Amino acid sequence: MAKVELKQPIVDEIKGYVKDAKAIVAVDYRGLTVEEDTKLRKQLREAGVVYKVYKNTMLKRAFEGTEFEALSKHLDGPTAVAFGLDDATAPARILNDVSKTSPNLEFKAGVVEGTYYDAKGIQVIATIPSREVLISKLLGSLQSPITNFARVIKQIAEKQGEVA
């Protein structure tokens, strides 16, 4: 069996993730302990992020002709990729949180919703809260004036009730 026939299923697997991904973040994982890596994988899995280590040549082949092709120039040395399938900022956010306690985990680059970011750009993306948090903040902001208005009206009614 030719080597190409053995590698093609792996490239097809990567292409499947690429097709569904809203974001892909590439990191250098050299120096992570098994414990740190296990903890990282668990957090990513719970957030719906696929975290894999593939050969760089297979990643390059899978990224060809996609919006993630810009990552190919960063695929040298040990590289792990995190595919954000549901939440576009989840891979960057979780990897950034883990990198605070595991300094050996370093960002290489990423593509979030079609836009390429270098390592510093991905760290900025990591500071963006999740979609659910942003929606709850928006709803809180919209609800606050109504709640305050209702509270004032209630106080006025109570005050007038005492006078009468």
N, C-alpha and C. Protein backbone atom coordinates (compact mmCIF):
# COMPACT_ATOMS: atom_id res chain seq x y z
N MET A 1 0.85 -1.18 0.00
CA MET A 1 0.00 0.00 0.00
C MET A 1 0.90 1.24 0.00
N ALA A 2 0.59 2.18 -0.84
CA ALA A 2 1.40 3.39 -0.96
C ALA A 2 1.20 4.30 0.25
N LYS A 3 2.21 5.10 0.52
CA LYS A 3 2.13 6.01 1.66
C LYS A 3 0.98 7.01 1.50
N VAL A 4 0.73 7.43 0.26
CA VAL A 4 -0.34 8.39 0.02
C VAL A 4 -1.69 7.81 0.43
N GLU A 5 -1.91 6.54 0.17
CA GLU A 5 -3.17 5.90 0.53
C GLU A 5 -3.34 5.81 2.05
N LEU A 6 -2.24 5.73 2.77
CA LEU A 6 -2.31 5.70 4.23
C LEU A 6 -2.57 7.09 4.81
N LYS A 7 -2.03 8.11 4.15
CA LYS A 7 -2.14 9.47 4.67
C LYS A 7 -3.44 10.16 4.27
N GLN A 8 -4.04 9.76 3.17
CA GLN A 8 -5.24 10.43 2.68
C GLN A 8 -6.40 10.43 3.68
N PRO A 9 -6.66 9.33 4.39
CA PRO A 9 -7.75 9.38 5.39
C PRO A 9 -7.50 10.41 6.50
N ILE A 10 -6.26 10.60 6.86
CA ILE A 10 -5.93 11.59 7.90
C ILE A 10 -6.18 12.99 7.37
N VAL A 11 -5.75 13.25 6.13
CA VAL A 11 -5.99 14.55 5.51
C VAL A 11 -7.50 14.80 5.38
N ASP A 12 -8.24 13.77 5.02
CA ASP A 12 -9.70 13.91 4.91
C ASP A 12 -10.34 14.21 6.26
N GLU A 13 -9.81 13.60 7.33
CA GLU A 13 -10.30 13.88 8.68
C GLU A 13 -10.08 15.35 9.03
N ILE A 14 -8.88 15.85 8.73
CA ILE A 14 -8.57 17.26 9.01
C ILE A 14 -9.49 18.17 8.20
N LYS A 15 -9.69 17.82 6.91
CA LYS A 15 -10.57 18.63 6.05
C LYS A 15 -11.99 18.68 6.61
N GLY A 16 -12.43 17.59 7.22
CA GLY A 16 -13.75 17.58 7.84
C GLY A 16 -13.85 18.57 8.98
N TYR A 17 -12.81 18.63 9.80
CA TYR A 17 -12.79 19.62 10.90
C TYR A 17 -12.70 21.04 10.33
N VAL A 18 -11.87 21.22 9.30
CA VAL A 18 -11.68 22.54 8.71
C VAL A 18 -13.00 23.05 8.13
N LYS A 19 -13.75 22.17 7.50
CA LYS A 19 -15.02 22.55 6.87
C LYS A 19 -16.01 23.08 7.90
N ASP A 20 -16.03 22.49 9.11
CA ASP A 20 -16.99 22.88 10.14
C ASP A 20 -16.46 23.94 11.11
N ALA A 21 -15.18 24.26 11.03
CA ALA A 21 -14.55 25.13 12.03
C ALA A 21 -14.88 26.60 11.82
N LYS A 22 -15.17 27.27 12.92
CA LYS A 22 -15.32 28.72 12.91
C LYS A 22 -13.97 29.37 13.20
N ALA A 23 -13.11 28.62 13.88
CA ALA A 23 -11.78 29.13 14.23
C ALA A 23 -10.81 27.97 14.37
N ILE A 24 -9.56 28.24 14.03
CA ILE A 24 -8.48 27.28 14.26
C ILE A 24 -7.32 28.05 14.87
N VAL A 25 -6.79 27.51 15.96
CA VAL A 25 -5.64 28.12 16.64
C VAL A 25 -4.52 27.09 16.67
N ALA A 26 -3.33 27.51 16.23
CA ALA A 26 -2.16 26.64 16.25
C ALA A 26 -1.27 27.04 17.42
N VAL A 27 -0.79 26.04 18.17
CA VAL A 27 0.06 26.30 19.32
C VAL A 27 1.28 25.37 19.30
N ASP A 28 2.32 25.82 19.97
CA ASP A 28 3.51 25.01 20.20
C ASP A 28 3.35 24.43 21.60
N TYR A 29 3.29 23.12 21.68
CA TYR A 29 3.01 22.45 22.95
C TYR A 29 4.26 21.87 23.60
N ARG A 30 5.44 22.15 23.05
CA ARG A 30 6.68 21.60 23.60
C ARG A 30 6.85 21.95 25.07
N GLY A 31 7.18 20.98 25.86
CA GLY A 31 7.46 21.21 27.27
C GLY A 31 6.26 21.02 28.18
N LEU A 32 5.08 20.75 27.63
CA LEU A 32 3.93 20.48 28.50
C LEU A 32 4.08 19.12 29.15
N THR A 33 3.74 19.04 30.41
CA THR A 33 3.76 17.74 31.08
C THR A 33 2.50 16.97 30.69
N VAL A 34 2.49 15.71 30.95
CA VAL A 34 1.32 14.87 30.64
C VAL A 34 0.11 15.38 31.42
N GLU A 35 0.34 15.75 32.66
CA GLU A 35 -0.76 16.24 33.50
C GLU A 35 -1.35 17.53 32.92
N GLU A 36 -0.48 18.46 32.51
CA GLU A 36 -0.94 19.72 31.93
C GLU A 36 -1.70 19.47 30.63
N ASP A 37 -1.17 18.57 29.80
CA ASP A 37 -1.80 18.27 28.52
C ASP A 37 -3.17 17.62 28.73
N THR A 38 -3.26 16.71 29.68
CA THR A 38 -4.53 16.04 29.97
C THR A 38 -5.57 17.05 30.45
N LYS A 39 -5.16 17.97 31.33
CA LYS A 39 -6.06 19.00 31.83
C LYS A 39 -6.52 19.91 30.69
N LEU A 40 -5.59 20.28 29.80
CA LEU A 40 -5.91 21.12 28.66
C LEU A 40 -6.92 20.44 27.73
N ARG A 41 -6.66 19.19 27.41
CA ARG A 41 -7.56 18.45 26.51
C ARG A 41 -8.96 18.32 27.11
N LYS A 42 -9.04 18.12 28.43
CA LYS A 42 -10.34 17.99 29.10
C LYS A 42 -11.12 19.30 29.00
N GLN A 43 -10.46 20.42 29.27
CA GLN A 43 -11.13 21.72 29.20
C GLN A 43 -11.61 22.02 27.78
N LEU A 44 -10.78 21.71 26.80
CA LEU A 44 -11.15 21.96 25.41
C LEU A 44 -12.32 21.07 24.99
N ARG A 45 -12.28 19.81 25.38
CA ARG A 45 -13.35 18.88 25.03
C ARG A 45 -14.68 19.34 25.63
N GLU A 46 -14.66 19.80 26.89
CA GLU A 46 -15.88 20.28 27.55
C GLU A 46 -16.47 21.50 26.84
N ALA A 47 -15.60 22.29 26.20
CA ALA A 47 -16.06 23.50 25.50
C ALA A 47 -16.43 23.21 24.04
N GLY A 48 -16.35 21.96 23.62
CA GLY A 48 -16.70 21.61 22.26
C GLY A 48 -15.62 21.92 21.25
N VAL A 49 -14.37 21.98 21.72
CA VAL A 49 -13.22 22.28 20.86
C VAL A 49 -12.48 20.98 20.60
N VAL A 50 -12.13 20.75 19.33
CA VAL A 50 -11.35 19.56 18.95
C VAL A 50 -9.88 19.96 18.96
N TYR A 51 -9.08 19.25 19.73
CA TYR A 51 -7.65 19.55 19.89
C TYR A 51 -6.87 18.34 19.43
N LYS A 52 -6.05 18.51 18.39
CA LYS A 52 -5.32 17.39 17.81
C LYS A 52 -3.90 17.79 17.46
N VAL A 53 -3.04 16.76 17.38
CA VAL A 53 -1.69 16.93 16.89
C VAL A 53 -1.57 16.10 15.62
N TYR A 54 -1.25 16.77 14.52
CA TYR A 54 -1.07 16.12 13.23
C TYR A 54 0.30 16.48 12.69
N LYS A 55 0.74 15.74 11.69
CA LYS A 55 1.97 16.11 10.99
C LYS A 55 1.71 17.41 10.24
N ASN A 56 2.71 18.28 10.24
CA ASN A 56 2.56 19.59 9.61
C ASN A 56 2.24 19.49 8.12
N THR A 57 2.83 18.53 7.43
CA THR A 57 2.57 18.40 5.99
C THR A 57 1.10 18.04 5.74
N MET A 58 0.52 17.25 6.61
CA MET A 58 -0.89 16.88 6.45
C MET A 58 -1.80 18.08 6.72
N LEU A 59 -1.43 18.88 7.71
CA LEU A 59 -2.20 20.09 7.99
C LEU A 59 -2.12 21.05 6.80
N LYS A 60 -0.92 21.23 6.26
CA LYS A 60 -0.75 22.13 5.10
C LYS A 60 -1.61 21.66 3.94
N ARG A 61 -1.61 20.38 3.68
CA ARG A 61 -2.40 19.83 2.57
C ARG A 61 -3.89 20.05 2.82
N ALA A 62 -4.34 19.88 4.05
CA ALA A 62 -5.76 20.06 4.36
C ALA A 62 -6.17 21.53 4.32
N PHE A 63 -5.26 22.44 4.64
CA PHE A 63 -5.57 23.87 4.66
C PHE A 63 -5.56 24.50 3.27
N GLU A 64 -4.97 23.83 2.28
CA GLU A 64 -4.85 24.39 0.93
C GLU A 64 -6.22 24.77 0.38
N GLY A 65 -6.31 26.01 -0.11
CA GLY A 65 -7.54 26.47 -0.74
C GLY A 65 -8.66 26.84 0.23
N THR A 66 -8.36 26.92 1.52
CA THR A 66 -9.37 27.31 2.51
C THR A 66 -8.98 28.64 3.13
N GLU A 67 -9.87 29.17 3.94
CA GLU A 67 -9.57 30.43 4.64
C GLU A 67 -8.49 30.25 5.70
N PHE A 68 -8.15 29.00 5.99
CA PHE A 68 -7.14 28.72 7.02
C PHE A 68 -5.74 28.51 6.43
N GLU A 69 -5.59 28.74 5.14
CA GLU A 69 -4.32 28.51 4.46
C GLU A 69 -3.19 29.39 5.03
N ALA A 70 -3.53 30.55 5.58
CA ALA A 70 -2.52 31.45 6.14
C ALA A 70 -1.77 30.82 7.31
N LEU A 71 -2.35 29.80 7.93
CA LEU A 71 -1.68 29.13 9.06
C LEU A 71 -0.49 28.28 8.59
N SER A 72 -0.45 27.94 7.32
CA SER A 72 0.58 27.04 6.81
C SER A 72 1.99 27.56 7.07
N LYS A 73 2.18 28.88 7.05
CA LYS A 73 3.52 29.42 7.27
C LYS A 73 3.99 29.26 8.72
N HIS A 74 3.09 28.91 9.61
CA HIS A 74 3.46 28.72 11.02
C HIS A 74 3.60 27.24 11.38
N LEU A 75 3.45 26.38 10.41
CA LEU A 75 3.49 24.94 10.69
C LEU A 75 4.92 24.41 10.57
N ASP A 76 5.70 24.70 11.58
CA ASP A 76 7.04 24.14 11.68
C ASP A 76 7.28 23.79 13.14
N GLY A 77 7.95 22.70 13.37
CA GLY A 77 8.15 22.22 14.74
C GLY A 77 6.87 21.59 15.26
N PRO A 78 6.88 21.19 16.52
CA PRO A 78 5.69 20.56 17.10
C PRO A 78 4.50 21.53 17.12
N THR A 79 3.43 21.12 16.49
CA THR A 79 2.25 21.98 16.40
C THR A 79 0.99 21.19 16.75
N ALA A 80 0.19 21.78 17.61
CA ALA A 80 -1.13 21.24 17.91
C ALA A 80 -2.14 22.27 17.41
N VAL A 81 -3.28 21.79 16.94
CA VAL A 81 -4.31 22.70 16.46
C VAL A 81 -5.60 22.47 17.24
N ALA A 82 -6.27 23.58 17.51
CA ALA A 82 -7.56 23.53 18.20
C ALA A 82 -8.61 24.06 17.23
N PHE A 83 -9.60 23.22 16.94
CA PHE A 83 -10.67 23.58 16.02
C PHE A 83 -11.88 24.02 16.83
N GLY A 84 -12.27 25.28 16.69
CA GLY A 84 -13.46 25.79 17.35
C GLY A 84 -14.67 25.56 16.47
N LEU A 85 -15.48 24.58 16.80
CA LEU A 85 -16.62 24.23 15.96
C LEU A 85 -17.88 25.00 16.32
N ASP A 86 -18.07 25.33 17.59
CA ASP A 86 -19.28 26.03 18.02
C ASP A 86 -19.01 27.49 18.33
N ASP A 87 -18.09 27.74 19.24
CA ASP A 87 -17.75 29.09 19.68
C ASP A 87 -16.42 29.48 19.05
N ALA A 88 -16.40 30.58 18.31
CA ALA A 88 -15.21 30.99 17.58
C ALA A 88 -14.06 31.42 18.50
N THR A 89 -14.38 31.92 19.68
CA THR A 89 -13.31 32.40 20.56
C THR A 89 -12.89 31.37 21.61
N ALA A 90 -13.61 30.26 21.71
CA ALA A 90 -13.33 29.27 22.75
C ALA A 90 -11.92 28.69 22.67
N PRO A 91 -11.40 28.30 21.49
CA PRO A 91 -10.04 27.74 21.48
C PRO A 91 -9.01 28.73 22.02
N ALA A 92 -9.07 29.96 21.54
CA ALA A 92 -8.09 30.96 21.99
C ALA A 92 -8.23 31.25 23.48
N ARG A 93 -9.49 31.35 23.94
CA ARG A 93 -9.74 31.68 25.34
C ARG A 93 -9.22 30.60 26.28
N ILE A 94 -9.51 29.35 25.97
CA ILE A 94 -9.10 28.24 26.83
C ILE A 94 -7.59 28.06 26.78
N LEU A 95 -7.02 28.10 25.58
CA LEU A 95 -5.57 27.96 25.46
C LEU A 95 -4.85 29.08 26.19
N ASN A 96 -5.39 30.29 26.14
CA ASN A 96 -4.78 31.41 26.85
C ASN A 96 -4.85 31.21 28.36
N ASP A 97 -5.98 30.72 28.86
CA ASP A 97 -6.12 30.46 30.29
C ASP A 97 -5.10 29.42 30.75
N VAL A 98 -4.94 28.37 29.96
CA VAL A 98 -4.00 27.31 30.33
C VAL A 98 -2.56 27.81 30.22
N SER A 99 -2.28 28.68 29.25
CA SER A 99 -0.90 29.17 29.08
C SER A 99 -0.46 30.03 30.27
N LYS A 100 -1.40 30.56 31.03
CA LYS A 100 -1.04 31.34 32.22
C LYS A 100 -0.40 30.45 33.28
N THR A 101 -0.86 29.19 33.39
CA THR A 101 -0.29 28.27 34.36
C THR A 101 0.75 27.35 33.75
N SER A 102 0.75 27.25 32.41
CA SER A 102 1.71 26.40 31.69
C SER A 102 2.44 27.26 30.66
N PRO A 103 3.51 27.93 31.07
CA PRO A 103 4.18 28.88 30.16
C PRO A 103 4.80 28.22 28.93
N ASN A 104 4.91 26.88 28.91
CA ASN A 104 5.48 26.21 27.75
C ASN A 104 4.51 26.17 26.57
N LEU A 105 3.25 26.41 26.81
CA LEU A 105 2.25 26.44 25.74
C LEU A 105 2.28 27.83 25.11
N GLU A 106 2.65 27.87 23.82
CA GLU A 106 2.80 29.17 23.15
C GLU A 106 1.94 29.22 21.90
N PHE A 107 1.27 30.35 21.71
CA PHE A 107 0.48 30.56 20.50
C PHE A 107 1.41 30.71 19.30
N LYS A 108 1.01 30.16 18.18
CA LYS A 108 1.72 30.39 16.92
C LYS A 108 0.93 31.37 16.07
N ALA A 109 -0.33 31.04 15.81
CA ALA A 109 -1.22 31.90 15.02
C ALA A 109 -2.61 31.30 15.06
N GLY A 110 -3.55 31.98 14.41
CA GLY A 110 -4.90 31.47 14.34
C GLY A 110 -5.72 32.18 13.29
N VAL A 111 -6.81 31.57 12.91
CA VAL A 111 -7.79 32.19 12.02
C VAL A 111 -9.14 32.08 12.73
N VAL A 112 -9.77 33.23 12.95
CA VAL A 112 -11.06 33.27 13.62
C VAL A 112 -12.06 33.91 12.66
N GLU A 113 -13.06 33.13 12.31
CA GLU A 113 -14.12 33.56 11.39
C GLU A 113 -13.55 34.24 10.14
N GLY A 114 -12.55 33.59 9.55
CA GLY A 114 -12.00 34.04 8.28
C GLY A 114 -10.89 35.07 8.36
N THR A 115 -10.57 35.55 9.55
CA THR A 115 -9.54 36.57 9.70
C THR A 115 -8.31 35.96 10.35
N TYR A 116 -7.15 36.17 9.73
CA TYR A 116 -5.87 35.64 10.23
C TYR A 116 -5.35 36.54 11.34
N TYR A 117 -4.83 35.92 12.40
CA TYR A 117 -4.21 36.64 13.51
C TYR A 117 -2.88 35.99 13.86
N ASP A 118 -1.88 36.81 14.15
CA ASP A 118 -0.61 36.25 14.62
C ASP A 118 -0.75 35.94 16.11
N ALA A 119 0.35 35.54 16.75
CA ALA A 119 0.29 35.12 18.15
C ALA A 119 -0.28 36.22 19.06
N LYS A 120 0.14 37.47 18.85
CA LYS A 120 -0.35 38.56 19.70
C LYS A 120 -1.82 38.84 19.43
N GLY A 121 -2.23 38.73 18.18
CA GLY A 121 -3.63 38.93 17.83
C GLY A 121 -4.54 37.89 18.45
N ILE A 122 -4.06 36.65 18.47
CA ILE A 122 -4.84 35.57 19.08
C ILE A 122 -4.99 35.80 20.59
N GLN A 123 -3.95 36.35 21.21
CA GLN A 123 -4.06 36.63 22.64
C GLN A 123 -5.10 37.72 22.90
N VAL A 124 -5.24 38.65 21.98
CA VAL A 124 -6.30 39.67 22.11
C VAL A 124 -7.67 39.02 21.93
N ILE A 125 -7.79 38.13 20.95
CA ILE A 125 -9.04 37.41 20.73
C ILE A 125 -9.42 36.61 21.98
N ALA A 126 -8.42 36.10 22.67
CA ALA A 126 -8.66 35.29 23.86
C ALA A 126 -9.34 36.08 24.98
N THR A 127 -9.25 37.39 24.94
CA THR A 127 -9.86 38.21 25.99
C THR A 127 -11.35 38.46 25.73
N ILE A 128 -11.83 38.11 24.53
CA ILE A 128 -13.25 38.31 24.21
C ILE A 128 -14.07 37.23 24.93
N PRO A 129 -15.08 37.64 25.68
CA PRO A 129 -15.91 36.65 26.38
C PRO A 129 -16.69 35.78 25.39
N SER A 130 -17.23 34.69 25.88
CA SER A 130 -18.02 33.80 25.04
C SER A 130 -19.31 34.50 24.60
N ARG A 131 -19.94 33.94 23.60
CA ARG A 131 -21.17 34.50 23.05
C ARG A 131 -22.25 34.59 24.13
N GLU A 132 -22.36 33.55 24.95
CA GLU A 132 -23.39 33.54 26.00
C GLU A 132 -23.17 34.66 27.01
N VAL A 133 -21.91 34.91 27.37
CA VAL A 133 -21.59 35.97 28.32
C VAL A 133 -21.93 37.33 27.72
N LEU A 134 -21.59 37.52 26.44
CA LEU A 134 -21.90 38.79 25.78
C LEU A 134 -23.41 39.03 25.70
N ILE A 135 -24.16 37.98 25.39
CA ILE A 135 -25.62 38.11 25.32
C ILE A 135 -26.20 38.45 26.69
N SER A 136 -25.69 37.79 27.74
CA SER A 136 -26.22 38.07 29.08
C SER A 136 -25.88 39.50 29.50
N LYS A 137 -24.70 40.00 29.12
CA LYS A 137 -24.35 41.40 29.43
C LYS A 137 -25.28 42.36 28.69
N LEU A 138 -25.57 42.04 27.43
CA LEU A 138 -26.46 42.89 26.65
C LEU A 138 -27.85 42.91 27.28
N LEU A 139 -28.36 41.74 27.63
CA LEU A 139 -29.68 41.68 28.24
C LEU A 139 -29.70 42.41 29.58
N GLY A 140 -28.62 42.30 30.34
CA GLY A 140 -28.53 43.02 31.61
C GLY A 140 -28.55 44.52 31.39
N SER A 141 -27.86 44.97 30.34
CA SER A 141 -27.83 46.40 30.02
C SER A 141 -29.20 46.89 29.58
N LEU A 142 -29.91 46.07 28.83
CA LEU A 142 -31.24 46.46 28.37
C LEU A 142 -32.26 46.44 29.51
N GLN A 143 -32.08 45.51 30.42
CA GLN A 143 -33.04 45.35 31.52
C GLN A 143 -32.82 46.38 32.62
N SER A 144 -31.62 46.87 32.80
CA SER A 144 -31.28 47.77 33.89
C SER A 144 -32.13 49.04 33.92
N PRO A 145 -32.27 49.77 32.82
CA PRO A 145 -33.09 51.00 32.89
C PRO A 145 -34.56 50.71 33.24
N ILE A 146 -35.09 49.62 32.73
CA ILE A 146 -36.48 49.27 33.02
C ILE A 146 -36.64 48.94 34.50
N THR A 147 -35.70 48.20 35.05
CA THR A 147 -35.74 47.84 36.46
C THR A 147 -35.65 49.08 37.33
N ASN A 148 -34.73 49.98 36.99
CA ASN A 148 -34.58 51.22 37.77
C ASN A 148 -35.84 52.07 37.70
N PHE A 149 -36.45 52.16 36.52
CA PHE A 149 -37.69 52.92 36.35
C PHE A 149 -38.80 52.34 37.24
N ALA A 150 -38.92 51.01 37.21
CA ALA A 150 -39.95 50.35 38.02
C ALA A 150 -39.71 50.60 39.51
N ARG A 151 -38.45 50.59 39.92
CA ARG A 151 -38.11 50.82 41.33
C ARG A 151 -38.49 52.24 41.75
N VAL A 152 -38.23 53.22 40.89
CA VAL A 152 -38.56 54.61 41.19
C VAL A 152 -40.07 54.79 41.29
N ILE A 153 -40.80 54.20 40.35
CA ILE A 153 -42.27 54.30 40.37
C ILE A 153 -42.82 53.68 41.65
N LYS A 154 -42.27 52.55 42.06
CA LYS A 154 -42.72 51.88 43.27
C LYS A 154 -42.46 52.76 44.50
N GLN A 155 -41.29 53.40 44.55
CA GLN A 155 -40.97 54.27 45.68
C GLN A 155 -41.90 55.48 45.72
N ILE A 156 -42.21 56.02 44.55
CA ILE A 156 -43.14 57.17 44.49
C ILE A 156 -44.51 56.73 44.99
N ALA A 157 -44.96 55.57 44.55
CA ALA A 157 -46.28 55.07 44.97
C ALA A 157 -46.31 54.82 46.47
N GLU A 158 -45.24 54.26 47.03
CA GLU A 158 -45.19 54.01 48.47
C GLU A 158 -45.18 55.32 49.25
N LYS A 159 -44.44 56.31 48.73
CA LYS A 159 -44.38 57.60 49.42
C LYS A 159 -45.72 58.29 49.41
N GLN A 160 -46.42 58.25 48.29
CA GLN A 160 -47.74 58.85 48.21
C GLN A 160 -48.75 58.09 49.04
N GLY A 161 -48.54 56.80 49.18
CA GLY A 161 -49.43 55.97 50.02
C GLY A 161 -49.32 56.37 51.49
N GLU A 162 -48.14 56.76 51.94
CA GLU A 162 -47.93 57.18 53.33
C GLU A 162 -48.58 58.53 53.59
N VAL A 163 -48.52 59.43 52.59
CA VAL A 163 -49.10 60.76 52.74
C VAL A 163 -50.61 60.69 52.82
N ALA A 164 -51.21 59.83 52.02
CA ALA A 164 -52.67 59.75 51.98
C ALA A 164 -53.23 59.10 53.17
